[in-house]
Amino acid sequence: TAYSLATQLVDAVACAHAAGVIHCDIKPENVL
């Protein structure tokens, strides 16, 4: 479970960075 969630989080931010978008507030409360 932890590995799956971790992979999804990494992939989400990778997609944003590929588009030139920085999140600036990655924390567990912002991960749904």
Full PDB file with SEQRES, HELIX, SHEET, SSBOND, CRYST1, ORIGX, SCALE, CONECT and MASTER records, all heavy atoms in Angstrom:
SEQRES   1 A   32  THR ALA TYR SER LEU ALA THR GLN LEU VAL ASP ALA VAL          
SEQRES   2 A   32  ALA CYS ALA HIS ALA ALA GLY VAL ILE HIS CYS ASP ILE          
SEQRES   3 A   32  LYS PRO GLU ASN VAL LEU                                      
HELIX    1 AA1 ALA A    2  ALA A   18  1                                  17    
HELIX    2 AA2 PRO A   28  ASN A   30  5                                   3    
CRYST1    1.000    1.000    1.000  90.00  90.00  90.00 P 1           1          
ORIGX1      1.000000  0.000000  0.000000        0.00000                         
ORIGX2      0.000000  1.000000  0.000000        0.00000                         
ORIGX3      0.000000  0.000000  1.000000        0.00000                         
SCALE1      1.000000  0.000000  0.000000        0.00000                         
SCALE2      0.000000  1.000000  0.000000        0.00000                         
SCALE3      0.000000  0.000000  1.000000        0.00000                         
ATOM      1  N   THR A   1       0.829  -1.206   0.000  1.00  0.00           N  
ATOM      2  CA  THR A   1       0.000   0.000   0.000  1.00  0.00           C  
ATOM      3  C   THR A   1       0.861   1.253   0.000  1.00  0.00           C  
ATOM      4  O   THR A   1       0.642   2.188  -0.784  1.00  0.00           O  
ATOM      5  CB  THR A   1      -0.929   0.015   1.225  1.00  0.00           C  
ATOM      6  OG1 THR A   1      -1.823  -1.102   1.147  1.00  0.00           O  
ATOM      7  CG2 THR A   1      -1.742   1.302   1.284  1.00  0.00           C  
ATOM      8  N   ALA A   2       1.868   1.279   0.874  1.00  0.00           N  
ATOM      9  CA  ALA A   2       2.731   2.458   0.961  1.00  0.00           C  
ATOM     10  C   ALA A   2       3.485   2.680  -0.346  1.00  0.00           C  
ATOM     11  O   ALA A   2       3.604   3.821  -0.821  1.00  0.00           O  
ATOM     12  CB  ALA A   2       3.713   2.294   2.126  1.00  0.00           C  
ATOM     13  N   TYR A   3       3.968   1.601  -0.959  1.00  0.00           N  
ATOM     14  CA  TYR A   3       4.736   1.739  -2.192  1.00  0.00           C  
ATOM     15  C   TYR A   3       3.840   2.244  -3.324  1.00  0.00           C  
ATOM     16  O   TYR A   3       4.242   3.098  -4.120  1.00  0.00           O  
ATOM     17  CB  TYR A   3       5.374   0.419  -2.594  1.00  0.00           C  
ATOM     18  CG  TYR A   3       6.284   0.537  -3.788  1.00  0.00           C  
ATOM     19  CD1 TYR A   3       7.576   1.027  -3.649  1.00  0.00           C  
ATOM     20  CD2 TYR A   3       5.846   0.194  -5.064  1.00  0.00           C  
ATOM     21  CE1 TYR A   3       8.414   1.173  -4.755  1.00  0.00           C  
ATOM     22  CE2 TYR A   3       6.671   0.330  -6.173  1.00  0.00           C  
ATOM     23  CZ  TYR A   3       7.955   0.810  -6.004  1.00  0.00           C  
ATOM     24  OH  TYR A   3       8.768   0.964  -7.105  1.00  0.00           O  
ATOM     25  N   SER A   4       2.609   1.732  -3.391  1.00  0.00           N  
ATOM     26  CA  SER A   4       1.672   2.184  -4.420  1.00  0.00           C  
ATOM     27  C   SER A   4       1.350   3.666  -4.256  1.00  0.00           C  
ATOM     28  O   SER A   4       1.381   4.439  -5.232  1.00  0.00           O  
ATOM     29  CB  SER A   4       0.382   1.362  -4.354  1.00  0.00           C  
ATOM     30  OG  SER A   4      -0.605   1.906  -5.221  1.00  0.00           O  
ATOM     31  N   LEU A   5       1.054   4.098  -3.034  1.00  0.00           N  
ATOM     32  CA  LEU A   5       0.734   5.505  -2.796  1.00  0.00           C  
ATOM     33  C   LEU A   5       1.940   6.394  -3.088  1.00  0.00           C  
ATOM     34  O   LEU A   5       1.809   7.473  -3.676  1.00  0.00           O  
ATOM     35  CB  LEU A   5       0.260   5.689  -1.352  1.00  0.00           C  
ATOM     36  CG  LEU A   5      -1.079   5.043  -0.996  1.00  0.00           C  
ATOM     37  CD1 LEU A   5      -1.356   5.185   0.500  1.00  0.00           C  
ATOM     38  CD2 LEU A   5      -2.231   5.634  -1.802  1.00  0.00           C  
ATOM     39  N   ALA A   6       3.121   5.924  -2.691  1.00  0.00           N  
ATOM     40  CA  ALA A   6       4.336   6.697  -2.941  1.00  0.00           C  
ATOM     41  C   ALA A   6       4.569   6.880  -4.436  1.00  0.00           C  
ATOM     42  O   ALA A   6       4.906   7.974  -4.908  1.00  0.00           O  
ATOM     43  CB  ALA A   6       5.536   6.002  -2.293  1.00  0.00           C  
ATOM     44  N   THR A   7       4.382   5.809  -5.190  1.00  0.00           N  
ATOM     45  CA  THR A   7       4.590   5.860  -6.635  1.00  0.00           C  
ATOM     46  C   THR A   7       3.604   6.822  -7.294  1.00  0.00           C  
ATOM     47  O   THR A   7       3.978   7.613  -8.176  1.00  0.00           O  
ATOM     48  CB  THR A   7       4.455   4.455  -7.248  1.00  0.00           C  
ATOM     49  OG1 THR A   7       5.415   3.581  -6.635  1.00  0.00           O  
ATOM     50  CG2 THR A   7       4.684   4.483  -8.749  1.00  0.00           C  
ATOM     51  N   GLN A   8       2.359   6.787  -6.854  1.00  0.00           N  
ATOM     52  CA  GLN A   8       1.354   7.689  -7.410  1.00  0.00           C  
ATOM     53  C   GLN A   8       1.691   9.152  -7.109  1.00  0.00           C  
ATOM     54  O   GLN A   8       1.511  10.034  -7.964  1.00  0.00           O  
ATOM     55  CB  GLN A   8      -0.025   7.350  -6.844  1.00  0.00           C  
ATOM     56  CG  GLN A   8      -0.574   6.002  -7.309  1.00  0.00           C  
ATOM     57  CD  GLN A   8      -1.925   5.709  -6.676  1.00  0.00           C  
ATOM     58  OE1 GLN A   8      -2.922   6.352  -6.992  1.00  0.00           O  
ATOM     59  NE2 GLN A   8      -1.958   4.739  -5.778  1.00  0.00           N  
ATOM     60  N   LEU A   9       2.175   9.422  -5.889  1.00  0.00           N  
ATOM     61  CA  LEU A   9       2.548  10.787  -5.533  1.00  0.00           C  
ATOM     62  C   LEU A   9       3.709  11.278  -6.393  1.00  0.00           C  
ATOM     63  O   LEU A   9       3.676  12.386  -6.942  1.00  0.00           O  
ATOM     64  CB  LEU A   9       2.926  10.849  -4.051  1.00  0.00           C  
ATOM     65  CG  LEU A   9       3.469  12.188  -3.544  1.00  0.00           C  
ATOM     66  CD1 LEU A   9       2.444  13.305  -3.742  1.00  0.00           C  
ATOM     67  CD2 LEU A   9       3.879  12.080  -2.079  1.00  0.00           C  
ATOM     68  N   VAL A  10       4.729  10.451  -6.533  1.00  0.00           N  
ATOM     69  CA  VAL A  10       5.892  10.818  -7.345  1.00  0.00           C  
ATOM     70  C   VAL A  10       5.472  11.081  -8.791  1.00  0.00           C  
ATOM     71  O   VAL A  10       5.896  12.063  -9.409  1.00  0.00           O  
ATOM     72  CB  VAL A  10       6.958   9.709  -7.270  1.00  0.00           C  
ATOM     73  CG1 VAL A  10       8.057   9.938  -8.307  1.00  0.00           C  
ATOM     74  CG2 VAL A  10       7.567   9.654  -5.866  1.00  0.00           C  
ATOM     75  N   ASP A  11       4.622  10.212  -9.330  1.00  0.00           N  
ATOM     76  CA  ASP A  11       4.180  10.377 -10.717  1.00  0.00           C  
ATOM     77  C   ASP A  11       3.354  11.652 -10.909  1.00  0.00           C  
ATOM     78  O   ASP A  11       3.456  12.321 -11.951  1.00  0.00           O  
ATOM     79  CB  ASP A  11       3.368   9.157 -11.157  1.00  0.00           C  
ATOM     80  CG  ASP A  11       4.226   7.928 -11.371  1.00  0.00           C  
ATOM     81  OD1 ASP A  11       5.461   8.056 -11.420  1.00  0.00           O  
ATOM     82  OD2 ASP A  11       3.658   6.816 -11.484  1.00  0.00           O  
ATOM     83  N   ALA A  12       2.536  12.000  -9.899  1.00  0.00           N  
ATOM     84  CA  ALA A  12       1.714  13.210  -9.992  1.00  0.00           C  
ATOM     85  C   ALA A  12       2.593  14.453 -10.085  1.00  0.00           C  
ATOM     86  O   ALA A  12       2.386  15.329 -10.941  1.00  0.00           O  
ATOM     87  CB  ALA A  12       0.789  13.311  -8.782  1.00  0.00           C  
ATOM     88  N   VAL A  13       3.592  14.529  -9.217  1.00  0.00           N  
ATOM     89  CA  VAL A  13       4.456  15.710  -9.213  1.00  0.00           C  
ATOM     90  C   VAL A  13       5.338  15.734 -10.461  1.00  0.00           C  
ATOM     91  O   VAL A  13       5.621  16.799 -11.018  1.00  0.00           O  
ATOM     92  CB  VAL A  13       5.306  15.770  -7.930  1.00  0.00           C  
ATOM     93  CG1 VAL A  13       6.081  17.083  -7.884  1.00  0.00           C  
ATOM     94  CG2 VAL A  13       4.423  15.663  -6.692  1.00  0.00           C  
ATOM     95  N   ALA A  14       5.741  14.554 -10.926  1.00  0.00           N  
ATOM     96  CA  ALA A  14       6.529  14.491 -12.162  1.00  0.00           C  
ATOM     97  C   ALA A  14       5.738  15.062 -13.336  1.00  0.00           C  
ATOM     98  O   ALA A  14       6.289  15.791 -14.179  1.00  0.00           O  
ATOM     99  CB  ALA A  14       6.942  13.055 -12.452  1.00  0.00           C  
ATOM    100  N   CYS A  15       4.445  14.754 -13.402  1.00  0.00           N  
ATOM    101  CA  CYS A  15       3.591  15.295 -14.468  1.00  0.00           C  
ATOM    102  C   CYS A  15       3.542  16.829 -14.383  1.00  0.00           C  
ATOM    103  O   CYS A  15       3.665  17.521 -15.398  1.00  0.00           O  
ATOM    104  CB  CYS A  15       2.180  14.715 -14.352  1.00  0.00           C  
ATOM    105  SG  CYS A  15       0.947  15.519 -15.413  1.00  0.00           S  
ATOM    106  N   ALA A  16       3.389  17.348 -13.172  1.00  0.00           N  
ATOM    107  CA  ALA A  16       3.336  18.794 -12.998  1.00  0.00           C  
ATOM    108  C   ALA A  16       4.647  19.451 -13.409  1.00  0.00           C  
ATOM    109  O   ALA A  16       4.657  20.458 -14.126  1.00  0.00           O  
ATOM    110  CB  ALA A  16       3.011  19.134 -11.547  1.00  0.00           C  
ATOM    111  N   HIS A  17       5.754  18.862 -12.980  1.00  0.00           N  
ATOM    112  CA  HIS A  17       7.054  19.444 -13.316  1.00  0.00           C  
ATOM    113  C   HIS A  17       7.319  19.394 -14.819  1.00  0.00           C  
ATOM    114  O   HIS A  17       7.937  20.308 -15.376  1.00  0.00           O  
ATOM    115  CB  HIS A  17       8.162  18.726 -12.545  1.00  0.00           C  
ATOM    116  CG  HIS A  17       8.209  19.084 -11.095  1.00  0.00           C  
ATOM    117  ND1 HIS A  17       9.190  18.640 -10.238  1.00  0.00           N  
ATOM    118  CD2 HIS A  17       7.388  19.876 -10.336  1.00  0.00           C  
ATOM    119  CE1 HIS A  17       8.970  19.135  -9.031  1.00  0.00           C  
ATOM    120  NE2 HIS A  17       7.872  19.875  -9.060  1.00  0.00           N  
ATOM    121  N   ALA A  18       6.837  18.353 -15.469  1.00  0.00           N  
ATOM    122  CA  ALA A  18       6.998  18.265 -16.923  1.00  0.00           C  
ATOM    123  C   ALA A  18       6.270  19.410 -17.619  1.00  0.00           C  
ATOM    124  O   ALA A  18       6.670  19.856 -18.703  1.00  0.00           O  
ATOM    125  CB  ALA A  18       6.488  16.921 -17.431  1.00  0.00           C  
ATOM    126  N   ALA A  19       5.208  19.899 -16.975  1.00  0.00           N  
ATOM    127  CA  ALA A  19       4.447  21.021 -17.536  1.00  0.00           C  
ATOM    128  C   ALA A  19       4.941  22.367 -17.008  1.00  0.00           C  
ATOM    129  O   ALA A  19       4.340  23.406 -17.292  1.00  0.00           O  
ATOM    130  CB  ALA A  19       2.964  20.845 -17.211  1.00  0.00           C  
ATOM    131  N   GLY A  20       6.016  22.349 -16.211  1.00  0.00           N  
ATOM    132  CA  GLY A  20       6.560  23.587 -15.687  1.00  0.00           C  
ATOM    133  C   GLY A  20       5.841  24.133 -14.478  1.00  0.00           C  
ATOM    134  O   GLY A  20       5.992  25.302 -14.128  1.00  0.00           O  
ATOM    135  N   VAL A  21       5.058  23.285 -13.792  1.00  0.00           N  
ATOM    136  CA  VAL A  21       4.268  23.726 -12.632  1.00  0.00           C  
ATOM    137  C   VAL A  21       4.908  23.217 -11.343  1.00  0.00           C  
ATOM    138  O   VAL A  21       5.169  22.023 -11.205  1.00  0.00           O  
ATOM    139  CB  VAL A  21       2.816  23.207 -12.724  1.00  0.00           C  
ATOM    140  CG1 VAL A  21       2.029  23.606 -11.475  1.00  0.00           C  
ATOM    141  CG2 VAL A  21       2.138  23.742 -13.973  1.00  0.00           C  
ATOM    142  N   ILE A  22       5.154  24.121 -10.410  1.00  0.00           N  
ATOM    143  CA  ILE A  22       5.656  23.774  -9.081  1.00  0.00           C  
ATOM    144  C   ILE A  22       4.482  23.794  -8.116  1.00  0.00           C  
ATOM    145  O   ILE A  22       3.668  24.724  -8.133  1.00  0.00           O  
ATOM    146  CB  ILE A  22       6.732  24.774  -8.612  1.00  0.00           C  
ATOM    147  CG1 ILE A  22       7.837  24.919  -9.655  1.00  0.00           C  
ATOM    148  CG2 ILE A  22       7.314  24.346  -7.269  1.00  0.00           C  
ATOM    149  CD1 ILE A  22       8.815  26.041  -9.346  1.00  0.00           C  
ATOM    150  N   HIS A  23       4.379  22.775  -7.256  1.00  0.00           N  
ATOM    151  CA  HIS A  23       3.246  22.703  -6.339  1.00  0.00           C  
ATOM    152  C   HIS A  23       3.405  23.673  -5.172  1.00  0.00           C  
ATOM    153  O   HIS A  23       2.495  24.423  -4.838  1.00  0.00           O  
ATOM    154  CB  HIS A  23       3.076  21.285  -5.805  1.00  0.00           C  
ATOM    155  CG  HIS A  23       1.817  21.095  -5.011  1.00  0.00           C  
ATOM    156  ND1 HIS A  23       1.691  21.529  -3.701  1.00  0.00           N  
ATOM    157  CD2 HIS A  23       0.625  20.523  -5.328  1.00  0.00           C  
ATOM    158  CE1 HIS A  23       0.479  21.231  -3.253  1.00  0.00           C  
ATOM    159  NE2 HIS A  23      -0.190  20.624  -4.225  1.00  0.00           N  
ATOM    160  N   CYS A  24       4.548  23.634  -4.499  1.00  0.00           N  
ATOM    161  CA  CYS A  24       4.904  24.530  -3.395  1.00  0.00           C  
ATOM    162  C   CYS A  24       4.289  24.173  -2.043  1.00  0.00           C  
ATOM    163  O   CYS A  24       4.612  24.822  -1.041  1.00  0.00           O  
ATOM    164  CB  CYS A  24       4.545  25.994  -3.692  1.00  0.00           C  
ATOM    165  SG  CYS A  24       5.645  26.754  -4.901  1.00  0.00           S  
ATOM    166  N   ASP A  25       3.416  23.178  -1.960  1.00  0.00           N  
ATOM    167  CA  ASP A  25       2.827  22.852  -0.648  1.00  0.00           C  
ATOM    168  C   ASP A  25       2.473  21.364  -0.582  1.00  0.00           C  
ATOM    169  O   ASP A  25       1.347  21.002  -0.254  1.00  0.00           O  
ATOM    170  CB  ASP A  25       1.600  23.715  -0.386  1.00  0.00           C  
ATOM    171  CG  ASP A  25       1.240  23.781   1.099  1.00  0.00           C  
ATOM    172  OD1 ASP A  25       2.121  23.480   1.936  1.00  0.00           O  
ATOM    173  OD2 ASP A  25       0.094  24.118   1.428  1.00  0.00           O  
ATOM    174  N   ILE A  26       3.448  20.512  -0.886  1.00  0.00           N  
ATOM    175  CA  ILE A  26       3.219  19.068  -0.831  1.00  0.00           C  
ATOM    176  C   ILE A  26       3.288  18.626   0.621  1.00  0.00           C  
ATOM    177  O   ILE A  26       4.316  18.775   1.287  1.00  0.00           O  
ATOM    178  CB  ILE A  26       4.263  18.315  -1.679  1.00  0.00           C  
ATOM    179  CG1 ILE A  26       4.124  18.702  -3.151  1.00  0.00           C  
ATOM    180  CG2 ILE A  26       4.107  16.804  -1.513  1.00  0.00           C  
ATOM    181  CD1 ILE A  26       5.266  18.208  -4.021  1.00  0.00           C  
ATOM    182  N   LYS A  27       2.185  18.123   1.122  1.00  0.00           N  
ATOM    183  CA  LYS A  27       2.093  17.636   2.499  1.00  0.00           C  
ATOM    184  C   LYS A  27       0.956  16.616   2.555  1.00  0.00           C  
ATOM    185  O   LYS A  27       0.091  16.589   1.660  1.00  0.00           O  
ATOM    186  CB  LYS A  27       1.820  18.785   3.465  1.00  0.00           C  
ATOM    187  CG  LYS A  27       0.537  19.560   3.174  1.00  0.00           C  
ATOM    188  CD  LYS A  27       0.364  20.725   4.138  1.00  0.00           C  
ATOM    189  CE  LYS A  27      -0.924  21.508   3.843  1.00  0.00           C  
ATOM    190  NZ  LYS A  27      -1.113  22.627   4.779  1.00  0.00           N  
ATOM    191  N   PRO A  28       0.935  15.760   3.580  1.00  0.00           N  
ATOM    192  CA  PRO A  28      -0.085  14.693   3.629  1.00  0.00           C  
ATOM    193  C   PRO A  28      -1.522  15.197   3.583  1.00  0.00           C  
ATOM    194  O   PRO A  28      -2.396  14.520   3.048  1.00  0.00           O  
ATOM    195  CB  PRO A  28       0.224  13.987   4.952  1.00  0.00           C  
ATOM    196  CG  PRO A  28       1.677  14.220   5.163  1.00  0.00           C  
ATOM    197  CD  PRO A  28       1.937  15.612   4.654  1.00  0.00           C  
ATOM    198  N   GLU A  29      -1.775  16.397   4.130  1.00  0.00           N  
ATOM    199  CA  GLU A  29      -3.146  16.925   4.100  1.00  0.00           C  
ATOM    200  C   GLU A  29      -3.600  17.297   2.704  1.00  0.00           C  
ATOM    201  O   GLU A  29      -4.808  17.381   2.442  1.00  0.00           O  
ATOM    202  CB  GLU A  29      -3.257  18.157   5.017  1.00  0.00           C  
ATOM    203  CG  GLU A  29      -3.103  17.853   6.490  1.00  0.00           C  
ATOM    204  CD  GLU A  29      -1.657  17.861   6.960  1.00  0.00           C  
ATOM    205  OE1 GLU A  29      -0.734  17.868   6.102  1.00  0.00           O  
ATOM    206  OE2 GLU A  29      -1.437  17.860   8.181  1.00  0.00           O  
ATOM    207  N   ASN A  30      -2.664  17.537   1.796  1.00  0.00           N  
ATOM    208  CA  ASN A  30      -3.006  17.879   0.413  1.00  0.00           C  
ATOM    209  C   ASN A  30      -2.973  16.677  -0.517  1.00  0.00           C  
ATOM    210  O   ASN A  30      -3.103  16.826  -1.736  1.00  0.00           O  
ATOM    211  CB  ASN A  30      -2.055  18.953  -0.122  1.00  0.00           C  
ATOM    212  CG  ASN A  30      -2.389  20.335   0.415  1.00  0.00           C  
ATOM    213  OD1 ASN A  30      -3.505  20.572   0.867  1.00  0.00           O  
ATOM    214  ND2 ASN A  30      -1.424  21.234   0.382  1.00  0.00           N  
ATOM    215  N   VAL A  31      -2.791  15.490   0.057  1.00  0.00           N  
ATOM    216  CA  VAL A  31      -2.801  14.249  -0.722  1.00  0.00           C  
ATOM    217  C   VAL A  31      -4.079  13.499  -0.357  1.00  0.00           C  
ATOM    218  O   VAL A  31      -4.265  13.091   0.794  1.00  0.00           O  
ATOM    219  CB  VAL A  31      -1.557  13.388  -0.416  1.00  0.00           C  
ATOM    220  CG1 VAL A  31      -1.602  12.090  -1.208  1.00  0.00           C  
ATOM    221  CG2 VAL A  31      -0.278  14.162  -0.733  1.00  0.00           C  
ATOM    222  N   LEU A  32      -4.978  13.350  -1.325  1.00  0.00           N  
ATOM    223  CA  LEU A  32      -6.296  12.769  -1.078  1.00  0.00           C  
ATOM    224  C   LEU A  32      -6.352  11.333  -1.594  1.00  0.00           C  
ATOM    225  O   LEU A  32      -5.778  11.027  -2.645  1.00  0.00           O  
ATOM    226  CB  LEU A  32      -7.391  13.606  -1.751  1.00  0.00           C  
ATOM    227  CG  LEU A  32      -7.765  14.965  -1.141  1.00  0.00           C  
ATOM    228  CD1 LEU A  32      -8.201  14.795   0.305  1.00  0.00           C  
ATOM    229  CD2 LEU A  32      -6.631  15.970  -1.238  1.00  0.00           C  
TER     230      LEU A  32                                                      
MASTER        0    0    0    2    0    0    0    6  229    1    0    3          
END                                                                             
